[in-house]
Protein backbone atom coordinates (compact mmCIF):
# COMPACT_ATOMS: atom_id res chain seq x y z
CA MET A 1 -22.29 1.22 21.84
CA SER A 2 -21.06 3.66 24.36
CA ASP A 3 -19.11 1.58 26.69
CA VAL A 4 -15.77 1.89 25.06
CA LYS A 5 -13.46 5.04 24.91
CA GLU A 6 -10.82 5.82 22.55
CA TYR A 7 -7.49 7.05 23.91
CA CYS A 8 -7.06 10.43 22.12
CA GLY A 9 -7.33 13.28 19.38
CA LEU A 10 -4.62 15.15 18.22
CA PHE A 11 -4.87 18.61 16.46
CA GLY A 12 -2.08 21.14 15.33
CA ILE A 13 -1.73 24.23 13.01
CA TYR A 14 1.80 25.97 12.07
CA GLY A 15 1.59 29.14 10.37
CA CYS A 16 -2.09 30.52 11.11
CA GLU A 17 -2.29 33.77 12.90
CA ASP A 18 -5.62 32.23 15.27
CA ALA A 19 -4.13 28.89 15.26
CA ALA A 20 -4.97 28.23 18.73
CA GLU A 21 -8.94 29.21 18.07
CA ARG A 22 -8.68 26.93 15.13
CA VAL A 23 -6.96 24.15 17.37
CA TYR A 24 -10.14 24.97 20.06
CA TYR A 25 -12.55 23.96 17.15
CA GLY A 26 -10.80 21.22 15.64
CA LEU A 27 -10.81 19.55 19.08
CA TYR A 28 -14.31 19.96 19.31
CA SER A 29 -14.73 18.01 16.42
CA LEU A 30 -12.36 15.29 17.89
CA GLN A 31 -14.14 15.43 21.29
CA HIS A 32 -15.78 11.95 20.64
CA ARG A 33 -12.00 10.42 20.86
CA GLY A 34 -11.95 11.66 24.50
CA GLU A 35 -13.83 13.15 26.89
CA GLU A 36 -11.57 13.00 30.19
CA SER A 37 -9.45 16.20 29.73
CA ALA A 38 -8.36 18.77 27.02
CA GLY A 39 -5.46 21.27 26.37
CA ILE A 40 -3.78 23.49 23.93
CA ALA A 41 -0.03 24.59 23.62
CA SER A 42 0.98 27.39 21.56
CA THR A 43 4.19 29.26 20.82
CA ASP A 44 5.13 32.78 19.55
CA GLY A 45 8.63 31.66 18.40
CA LYS A 46 10.14 32.18 21.50
CA ASP A 47 8.08 30.62 24.47
CA ILE A 48 5.72 27.93 24.79
CA ILE A 49 2.32 28.30 26.93
CA CYS A 50 -0.40 25.87 27.55
CA HIS A 51 -3.76 25.42 29.36
CA LYS A 52 -5.03 21.93 30.05
CA GLY A 53 -7.53 20.52 32.64
CA MET A 54 -10.21 18.07 33.24
CA GLY A 55 -13.25 18.24 31.29
CA LEU A 56 -14.84 18.73 27.51
CA VAL A 57 -13.06 21.39 25.24
CA SER A 58 -15.66 23.46 26.40
CA GLU A 59 -15.14 23.52 30.08
CA VAL A 60 -11.42 23.38 29.71
CA ILE A 61 -10.60 26.25 27.11
CA LYS A 62 -12.62 29.26 27.84
CA PRO A 63 -12.25 32.61 25.86
CA PRO A 64 -9.78 34.29 28.01
CA MET A 65 -7.52 31.34 27.79
CA LEU A 66 -7.87 31.32 23.88
CA LYS A 67 -6.85 35.29 24.05
CA SER A 68 -3.48 34.54 26.13
CA LEU A 69 -3.30 31.81 23.65
CA LYS A 70 -2.99 33.67 20.51
CA ASN A 71 -0.03 32.60 18.49
CA PRO A 72 0.77 31.43 15.07
CA ILE A 73 1.43 27.72 15.73
CA ALA A 74 -0.19 25.25 18.28
CA ILE A 75 -1.11 21.88 19.02
CA GLY A 76 -4.33 20.26 21.02
CA HIS A 77 -5.33 16.91 22.55
CA VAL A 78 -8.36 15.12 24.13
CA ARG A 79 -7.92 12.22 26.22
CA TYR A 80 -8.89 9.41 27.60
CA SER A 81 -6.81 7.22 29.75
CA THR A 82 -5.80 3.68 29.20
CA ILE A 83 -2.52 3.51 30.42
CA GLY A 84 -1.98 6.53 33.07
CA SER A 85 -5.04 7.40 35.36
CA SER A 86 -7.62 10.07 34.85
CA ASN A 87 -6.12 13.11 36.59
CA ILE A 88 -4.82 16.66 35.79
CA GLY A 89 -1.33 15.65 35.80
CA ASN A 90 -1.72 13.28 32.96
CA ALA A 91 -3.78 15.91 30.95
CA GLN A 92 -1.61 16.47 27.63
CA PRO A 93 -0.09 18.43 25.81
CA LEU A 94 3.00 17.70 27.95
CA VAL A 95 5.38 20.63 28.20
CA VAL A 96 8.81 20.29 29.50
CA ASP A 97 11.93 22.49 29.56
CA TYR A 98 15.04 20.57 28.77
CA TYR A 99 18.56 21.34 27.47
CA LYS A 100 17.06 22.32 24.10
CA GLY A 101 14.61 24.39 25.32
CA LYS A 102 10.97 24.09 25.84
CA VAL A 103 8.73 21.15 24.12
CA ALA A 104 5.28 19.99 23.98
CA VAL A 105 4.03 16.59 23.32
CA ALA A 106 0.77 15.32 22.57
CA HIS A 107 0.11 11.36 22.25
CA ASN A 108 -2.45 9.24 20.84
CA GLY A 109 -2.11 5.48 21.33
CA GLN A 110 -0.15 3.15 23.54
CA LEU A 111 3.45 2.39 24.37
CA THR A 112 4.01 -1.50 24.81
CA ASN A 113 7.42 -1.05 26.38
CA ALA A 114 6.91 2.00 28.45
CA LYS A 115 7.06 -0.04 31.72
CA ARG A 116 10.75 -1.24 30.70
CA LEU A 117 11.46 2.24 29.86
CA ARG A 118 10.27 3.76 32.76
CA GLU A 119 12.05 1.53 35.13
CA GLU A 120 15.33 1.93 33.17
CA PHE A 121 14.93 5.76 33.78
CA GLU A 122 13.80 5.51 37.34
CA ALA A 123 16.73 2.75 38.01
CA ASN A 124 19.14 5.72 36.61
CA GLY A 125 17.57 8.48 38.79
CA SER A 126 14.88 10.00 36.71
CA ILE A 127 11.86 11.34 38.35
CA PHE A 128 8.43 10.88 36.65
CA HIS A 129 5.77 13.22 37.47
CA THR A 130 3.15 11.64 35.98
CA THR A 131 1.73 8.03 35.41
CA SER A 132 1.13 8.49 31.38
CA ASP A 133 2.95 6.44 29.01
CA THR A 134 4.07 9.57 27.22
CA GLU A 135 6.23 11.02 29.49
CA VAL A 136 8.60 8.24 28.65
CA ILE A 137 9.11 10.15 25.33
CA VAL A 138 9.81 13.03 27.16
CA HIS A 139 13.03 11.46 29.13
CA LEU A 140 14.18 9.86 26.08
CA MET A 141 14.13 13.32 24.47
CA ALA A 142 16.37 14.32 27.35
CA LYS A 143 18.95 11.50 27.14
CA PRO A 144 22.26 12.94 26.19
CA LEU A 145 22.89 10.76 23.24
CA HIS A 146 19.31 11.87 21.54
CA MET A 147 19.65 15.41 22.63
CA MET A 148 22.78 15.63 20.08
CA GLN A 149 20.44 14.25 17.30
CA LYS A 150 19.10 16.83 14.93
CA ASN A 151 15.70 15.21 14.35
CA LEU A 152 13.86 12.38 16.40
CA SER A 153 14.84 9.26 14.48
CA LEU A 154 16.95 7.53 17.24
CA LEU A 155 14.44 8.64 19.83
CA LEU A 156 11.48 7.20 17.84
CA GLN A 157 13.24 3.75 17.01
CA GLN A 158 13.02 2.83 20.52
CA LEU A 159 9.04 3.30 21.05
CA ARG A 160 7.02 0.07 20.64
CA GLY A 161 3.44 -0.23 20.28
CA SER A 162 0.80 2.71 18.92
CA PHE A 163 2.00 6.20 18.86
CA SER A 164 0.82 9.20 16.37
CA LEU A 165 2.50 12.26 18.08
CA LEU A 166 2.58 16.02 17.69
CA PHE A 167 5.77 17.54 19.05
CA LEU A 168 5.84 21.36 19.46
CA THR A 169 8.90 23.54 19.62
CA PRO A 170 9.33 27.14 19.81
CA ASP A 171 9.78 27.19 16.20
CA GLU A 172 8.59 23.47 14.60
CA MET A 173 5.43 21.22 14.81
CA VAL A 174 6.30 17.54 13.96
CA GLY A 175 3.77 14.85 13.47
CA VAL A 176 4.81 11.00 13.37
CA ARG A 177 3.33 7.86 13.17
CA ASP A 178 4.72 4.77 14.40
CA PRO A 179 5.88 1.74 12.02
CA HIS A 180 2.19 0.30 11.99
CA GLY A 181 0.17 3.21 11.66
CA PHE A 182 -2.14 1.46 14.59
CA ARG A 183 -3.44 5.70 14.63
CA PRO A 184 -4.58 7.74 12.00
CA LEU A 185 -2.79 11.16 11.42
CA ALA A 186 -3.76 13.20 8.44
CA LEU A 187 -2.02 16.09 6.98
CA GLY A 188 -3.74 19.56 5.40
CA ARG A 189 -2.93 22.71 4.23
CA LEU A 190 -4.95 25.78 5.58
CA ASN A 191 -4.32 28.99 4.01
CA ASP A 192 -0.55 29.60 3.94
CA GLY A 193 -0.02 27.08 6.67
CA TYR A 194 -0.45 23.46 7.77
CA VAL A 195 -3.09 21.25 9.62
CA MET A 196 -2.12 17.58 11.18
CA ALA A 197 -5.10 16.10 12.69
CA SER A 198 -6.38 12.49 13.81
CA GLU A 199 -9.44 12.80 11.69
CA THR A 200 -10.30 14.72 8.33
CA CYS A 201 -13.73 16.01 9.94
CA ALA A 202 -11.26 18.40 12.28
CA MET A 203 -9.89 19.61 9.40
CA ASP A 204 -13.49 20.66 7.82
CA GLN A 205 -14.24 22.02 10.63
CA VAL A 206 -11.76 24.89 10.32
CA GLY A 207 -11.51 25.02 6.55
CA ALA A 208 -8.42 23.02 5.87
CA GLU A 209 -7.88 20.95 2.60
CA TYR A 210 -6.85 17.24 3.14
CA ILE A 211 -3.52 16.58 1.58
CA ARG A 212 -2.76 12.92 2.60
CA ASP A 213 -2.34 10.62 5.45
CA ILE A 214 0.82 10.50 7.41
CA ASN A 215 2.30 7.51 6.45
CA PRO A 216 3.84 4.60 9.03
CA GLY A 217 7.30 5.34 10.17
CA GLU A 218 6.96 8.78 8.94
CA ALA A 219 7.85 12.08 10.66
CA VAL A 220 6.90 15.50 8.93
CA TYR A 221 8.45 18.34 10.09
CA ILE A 222 7.20 21.86 9.64
CA ASP A 223 9.12 25.09 10.11
CA LYS A 224 9.61 28.60 8.54
CA ASP A 225 11.53 26.82 5.64
CA GLY A 226 8.28 24.82 4.74
CA ILE A 227 7.60 20.95 5.07
CA ARG A 228 10.06 18.08 4.84
CA SER A 229 9.36 14.36 5.47
CA GLU A 230 11.43 11.42 6.57
CA TYR A 231 11.12 7.78 7.19
CA TYR A 232 12.98 7.37 10.88
CA CYS A 233 13.10 3.48 10.59
CA SER A 234 14.08 0.90 7.75
CA GLN A 235 11.47 0.12 5.26
CA LYS A 236 11.73 -3.77 6.53
CA TYR A 237 10.00 -2.47 10.13
CA ILE A 238 6.85 -0.71 8.25
CA LYS A 239 4.47 -3.21 8.33
CA PRO A 240 0.79 -1.29 8.29
CA ALA A 241 -1.56 -2.50 10.67
CA PHE A 242 -4.10 -0.01 10.53
CA CYS A 243 -6.86 -0.31 13.47
CA VAL A 244 -10.13 -1.62 11.64
CA PHE A 245 -11.95 -0.30 15.09
CA GLU A 246 -11.17 3.00 13.96
CA LEU A 247 -13.46 2.26 10.76
CA VAL A 248 -16.20 0.15 12.54
CA TYR A 249 -16.58 2.54 15.59
CA PHE A 250 -14.55 5.48 16.75
CA SER A 251 -14.22 7.75 13.63
CA ARG A 252 -16.61 10.13 12.82
CA PRO A 253 -18.96 9.01 9.75
CA ASP A 254 -17.46 12.47 7.91
CA SER A 255 -13.98 11.57 8.17
CA LYS A 256 -11.90 10.02 5.76
CA ILE A 257 -9.62 7.39 7.36
CA TYR A 258 -6.67 5.21 5.86
CA GLY A 259 -8.09 6.30 2.49
CA GLU A 260 -11.45 5.04 3.28
CA SER A 261 -14.89 7.00 4.20
CA VAL A 262 -15.91 6.07 7.18
CA HIS A 263 -19.84 6.64 6.40
CA LEU A 264 -19.22 4.13 2.98
CA PHE A 265 -17.33 1.64 4.47
CA ARG A 266 -19.93 1.30 7.70
CA LYS A 267 -22.46 1.29 4.86
CA LYS A 268 -20.65 -1.75 3.41
CA LEU A 269 -20.73 -3.46 6.55
CA GLY A 270 -24.48 -3.23 6.63
CA ALA A 271 -24.91 -4.74 3.46
CA LYS A 272 -22.74 -7.40 4.40
CA LEU A 273 -24.40 -8.30 7.32
CA ALA A 274 -27.96 -8.22 5.72
CA GLU A 275 -26.05 -10.74 3.24
CA GLU A 276 -24.70 -13.08 6.21
CA SER A 277 -27.23 -12.61 8.29
CA PRO A 278 -31.21 -12.14 6.90
CA VAL A 279 -34.11 -12.36 9.08
CA ASP A 280 -37.57 -11.66 8.50
CA ALA A 281 -38.59 -8.33 9.77
CA ASP A 282 -40.96 -5.20 9.62
CA VAL A 283 -38.69 -2.39 10.47
CA VAL A 284 -34.72 -1.91 10.61
CA ILE A 285 -33.48 0.70 13.21
CA SER A 286 -30.16 1.89 14.37
CA VAL A 287 -28.63 2.48 18.03
CA PRO A 288 -27.40 6.13 17.65
CA GLU A 289 -25.23 7.21 16.51
CA GLY A 290 -23.02 4.46 15.63
CA GLY A 291 -25.02 2.24 13.96
CA ASN A 292 -26.81 4.91 11.70
CA SER A 293 -24.28 3.68 8.53
CA ALA A 294 -24.58 0.21 8.74
CA ALA A 295 -28.37 0.52 9.54
CA ILE A 296 -29.00 2.12 6.18
CA GLY A 297 -26.85 -0.37 4.59
CA TYR A 298 -28.80 -3.25 5.74
CA SER A 299 -32.00 -1.47 4.60
CA HIS A 300 -30.87 -1.14 1.55
CA ALA A 301 -29.57 -4.47 0.93
CA SER A 302 -32.46 -5.97 2.76
CA GLY A 303 -35.42 -4.06 1.26
CA ILE A 304 -36.82 -3.67 4.91
CA PRO A 305 -37.41 -0.28 5.37
CA PHE A 306 -35.17 2.00 7.59
CA ASP A 307 -36.64 3.96 10.29
CA ARG A 308 -35.98 5.56 13.60
CA GLY A 309 -36.21 3.58 16.52
CA PHE A 310 -34.33 5.51 19.25
CA ILE A 311 -34.92 9.13 19.98
CA ARG A 312 -31.53 10.70 21.80
CA ASN A 313 -31.06 12.96 24.47
CA HIS A 314 -28.06 15.37 23.36
CA TYR A 315 -28.20 17.02 26.79
CA VAL A 316 -27.44 14.95 29.27
CA GLY A 317 -24.00 15.76 30.89
CA ARG A 318 -21.21 13.75 31.31
CA THR A 319 -20.79 14.56 34.89
CA PHE A 320 -24.40 13.52 35.76
CA ILE A 321 -24.00 11.69 39.35
CA LEU A 322 -26.04 8.64 39.98
CA PRO A 323 -25.55 5.75 42.36
CA GLU A 324 -23.14 3.47 41.01
CA GLN A 325 -24.71 0.22 41.09
CA ASP A 326 -27.67 1.52 39.21
CA ARG A 327 -25.51 3.67 37.10
CA ARG A 328 -24.93 2.26 33.62
CA HIS A 329 -28.80 1.42 33.16
CA ARG A 330 -30.28 4.81 34.26
CA ILE A 331 -27.81 6.51 32.05
CA VAL A 332 -28.87 4.52 29.08
CA GLU A 333 -32.66 5.79 30.04
CA LEU A 334 -31.44 9.21 30.26
CA LYS A 335 -29.77 9.33 26.80
CA LEU A 336 -32.17 7.49 24.55
CA ASN A 337 -35.71 6.75 24.56
CA ALA A 338 -37.64 4.18 22.16
CA LEU A 339 -40.00 5.37 19.53
CA LYS A 340 -43.24 3.64 20.21
CA GLU A 341 -44.73 4.48 16.94
CA THR A 342 -42.04 2.96 15.08
CA VAL A 343 -41.55 -0.26 16.91
CA GLU A 344 -44.66 -1.16 18.98
CA GLY A 345 -46.07 -4.35 17.58
CA LYS A 346 -43.41 -4.76 14.93
CA ARG A 347 -40.35 -7.26 14.34
CA VAL A 348 -37.37 -4.94 14.66
CA ILE A 349 -34.07 -5.45 13.53
CA VAL A 350 -31.59 -3.23 15.59
CA ILE A 351 -28.23 -2.44 13.99
CA ASP A 352 -25.42 -1.50 16.44
CA ASP A 353 -21.62 -1.48 15.71
CA SER A 354 -20.59 -3.24 18.71
CA ILE A 355 -21.33 -5.26 21.88
CA VAL A 356 -18.13 -5.23 24.13
CA ARG A 357 -19.26 -5.65 27.79
CA GLY A 358 -23.00 -5.78 27.07
CA THR A 359 -24.77 -4.21 29.93
CA THR A 360 -25.45 -0.87 28.09
CA SER A 361 -26.70 -3.07 24.88
CA LYS A 362 -29.17 -5.10 27.57
CA SER A 363 -30.48 -1.61 28.67
CA ARG A 364 -30.88 -0.63 25.28
CA PHE A 365 -33.13 -3.40 24.25
CA GLY A 366 -35.22 -3.58 27.07
CA LEU A 367 -36.30 -0.04 26.06
CA LEU A 368 -37.76 -1.15 22.99
CA ARG A 369 -39.39 -4.38 24.79
CA LYS A 370 -41.16 -1.83 26.86
CA ALA A 371 -42.33 0.40 23.67
CA GLY A 372 -43.94 -2.74 22.65
CA ALA A 373 -41.85 -4.48 20.07
CA LYS A 374 -42.62 -7.97 19.04
CA GLU A 375 -39.41 -9.57 17.94
CA ILE A 376 -35.88 -7.90 18.67
CA HIS A 377 -33.34 -9.17 16.03
CA VAL A 378 -29.83 -7.39 16.75
CA ARG A 379 -27.28 -7.50 14.35
CA ILE A 380 -23.82 -6.21 15.23
CA SER A 381 -21.50 -4.88 12.29
CA CYS A 382 -18.39 -6.38 13.25
CA PRO A 383 -17.27 -9.65 14.73
CA PRO A 384 -17.36 -10.89 18.53
CA HIS A 385 -14.93 -8.64 20.66
CA ARG A 386 -12.98 -11.80 22.26
CA TYR A 387 -9.27 -10.67 22.92
CA PRO A 388 -7.95 -7.44 24.83
CA CYS A 389 -6.41 -4.55 22.92
CA TYR A 390 -3.02 -3.22 23.80
CA TYR A 391 -3.03 -0.35 21.11
CA GLY A 392 -4.87 2.27 22.66
CA ILE A 393 -8.41 1.05 23.09
CA ASP A 394 -9.58 0.60 26.81
CA PHE A 395 -10.69 -3.07 26.28
CA GLN A 396 -7.58 -4.46 27.90
CA LYS A 397 -9.00 -7.14 30.28
CA LYS A 398 -10.26 -10.42 28.73
CA GLY A 399 -12.68 -10.67 31.44
CA GLU A 400 -14.74 -8.31 30.93
CA LEU A 401 -15.42 -8.79 27.37
CA ILE A 402 -18.89 -10.45 27.06
CA ALA A 403 -18.05 -12.70 23.98
CA ALA A 404 -14.83 -13.90 25.19
CA ASN A 405 -16.54 -15.61 28.25
CA ARG A 406 -20.25 -16.63 26.39
CA THR A 407 -21.35 -18.15 23.33
CA SER A 408 -23.53 -16.16 20.78
CA GLU A 409 -26.48 -18.04 22.19
CA GLU A 410 -25.60 -17.26 25.76
CA ILE A 411 -25.07 -13.57 25.17
CA ARG A 412 -28.53 -13.54 22.90
CA GLN A 413 -30.01 -14.83 26.24
CA PHE A 414 -28.45 -12.18 28.37
CA LEU A 415 -29.94 -9.49 26.12
CA ASN A 416 -33.33 -11.20 25.95
CA VAL A 417 -33.79 -10.54 22.12
CA GLU A 418 -35.21 -12.71 19.53
CA SER A 419 -31.82 -13.46 17.38
CA LEU A 420 -28.29 -12.20 17.51
CA SER A 421 -25.83 -12.48 14.50
CA TYR A 422 -22.49 -10.65 14.29
CA LEU A 423 -20.76 -9.88 11.09
CA SER A 424 -18.04 -12.30 10.23
CA VAL A 425 -14.18 -11.43 10.19
CA GLU A 426 -13.93 -12.07 6.48
CA GLY A 427 -17.48 -9.82 5.90
CA MET A 428 -15.75 -7.03 7.85
CA MET A 429 -12.65 -7.27 5.90
CA SER A 430 -14.14 -7.56 2.57
CA CYS A 431 -15.51 -4.14 3.02
CA THR A 432 -12.28 -2.27 2.77
CA THR A 433 -10.47 -0.81 -0.40
CA GLN A 434 -7.39 -1.27 1.19
CA PRO A 435 -5.21 -4.69 1.37
CA ARG A 436 -6.69 -6.54 3.99
CA GLN A 437 -3.01 -7.68 5.64
CA HIS A 438 -2.67 -3.83 6.14
CA PHE A 439 -5.36 -3.66 9.27
CA CYS A 440 -4.74 -4.74 13.08
CA ASN A 441 -8.01 -7.02 13.81
CA ALA A 442 -6.45 -8.53 17.01
CA CYS A 443 -9.40 -7.99 19.19
CA PHE A 444 -11.39 -10.18 17.30
CA THR A 445 -8.71 -12.84 16.10
CA SER A 446 -5.76 -12.55 18.56
CA HIS A 447 -3.44 -12.02 15.71
CA TYR A 448 -1.47 -9.51 17.31
CA PRO A 449 0.89 -7.59 14.83
CA THR A 450 3.59 -6.86 17.42
CA PRO A 451 4.84 -9.27 20.33
CA ILE A 452 3.10 -8.71 23.72
CA ASP A 453 5.26 -9.16 26.91
CA GLU A 454 3.76 -10.09 29.96
CA ASP A 455 5.08 -7.14 31.63
CA THR A 456 2.51 -5.06 29.18
CA LYS A 457 -0.23 -7.31 29.61
CA LYS A 458 -0.13 -6.91 33.82
CA LEU A 459 0.35 -3.43 33.40
CA THR A 460 -2.62 -2.92 31.04
CA GLU A 461 -5.19 -5.42 33.33
CA ARG A 462 -4.53 -3.40 36.17
CA LYS A 463 -7.73 -1.55 37.22
CA GLN A 464 -6.89 2.06 36.78
């Protein structure tokens, strides 16, 4: 599935001579979490400098910029917009100069009370320079009451929704997760310094050792005196609601998220799918890259051989210009080609991680039909997406979700395949080693772990 985007990826290093360069490589590993903009901010202990722009990490951060960013502390960010339009003003990290000095902020998630807070600030004369919900955090930092605090607790207690945050001051790096832990954030060690990252695969990239996840409701402060941790809210407000879709789709298979190996979790999804939705067929294939691990699990559990059915073209540029009405269909054909030798005359089981809007899926399965597949049986390794997400994923308009408006049989007909089955919610949740009540699966069940007010619904359903 390629028609859903995550909100952001975070990466930060404290206490490493080439911190900015390592942040660059860490962001490279997190590129899948955001392709619209990228940025790095670093400090020498006195000032904060930042380079950011629209595009991929390699397009935005060039070697001369890395040289100018060379400092022992740095944070970085890759972004895809949910709240806040796609433009350079909303690229992160956000760097501001306020009463206490300079600070850089990088945010992964979505604040559900951003609209209300913004309106309160504007009513009192505050001027906003972006449409990003992250700027609300900056204005909260500048409130006189908050400026007197030695830590961020009072500020963080006013935020609602999903937020994993990195803060950078001239002498400190701080990592924060919201009380529900919607979005991941991990802590690692690199030589004598520390690393914080959205995913452990980025730590592997720079040679860092994973220590642990930052916990829901926790703020981790790193400075010259070492590392210290505190919980900024009462334990009664800490109610884990990890986004299960991080495991199903977003995170890289070589990452460890919420204590789970992403690859092994997805293999279990595939095995459970084979148990719930068996079908007599000749070959199991996956839609790359998201369906690969689940397809291996399905093949092992069913005894039906796994083979490559699609070949992916890795060199299709993200800025390739096509007429809008034909764009989705043509992009699919440019990115994927069906392997005729695998599927011709065969009954094919196609494993994909999800179908959200359905348009790209239909084009993909059409390629198999063109290549001579005798039968196409689609198996999806998560339940149908029927409800919007308000915590940082861009399917926020219920009308755009194909499963919200059609039955499985109607979707099957739309896709023009012989059969279609989704994994059940119960089947999906049985694959985790964590307590099931510690996950958010609201996009499948509508059981939102936090109240969603009407203003938030209206704001997120607006066209960006």
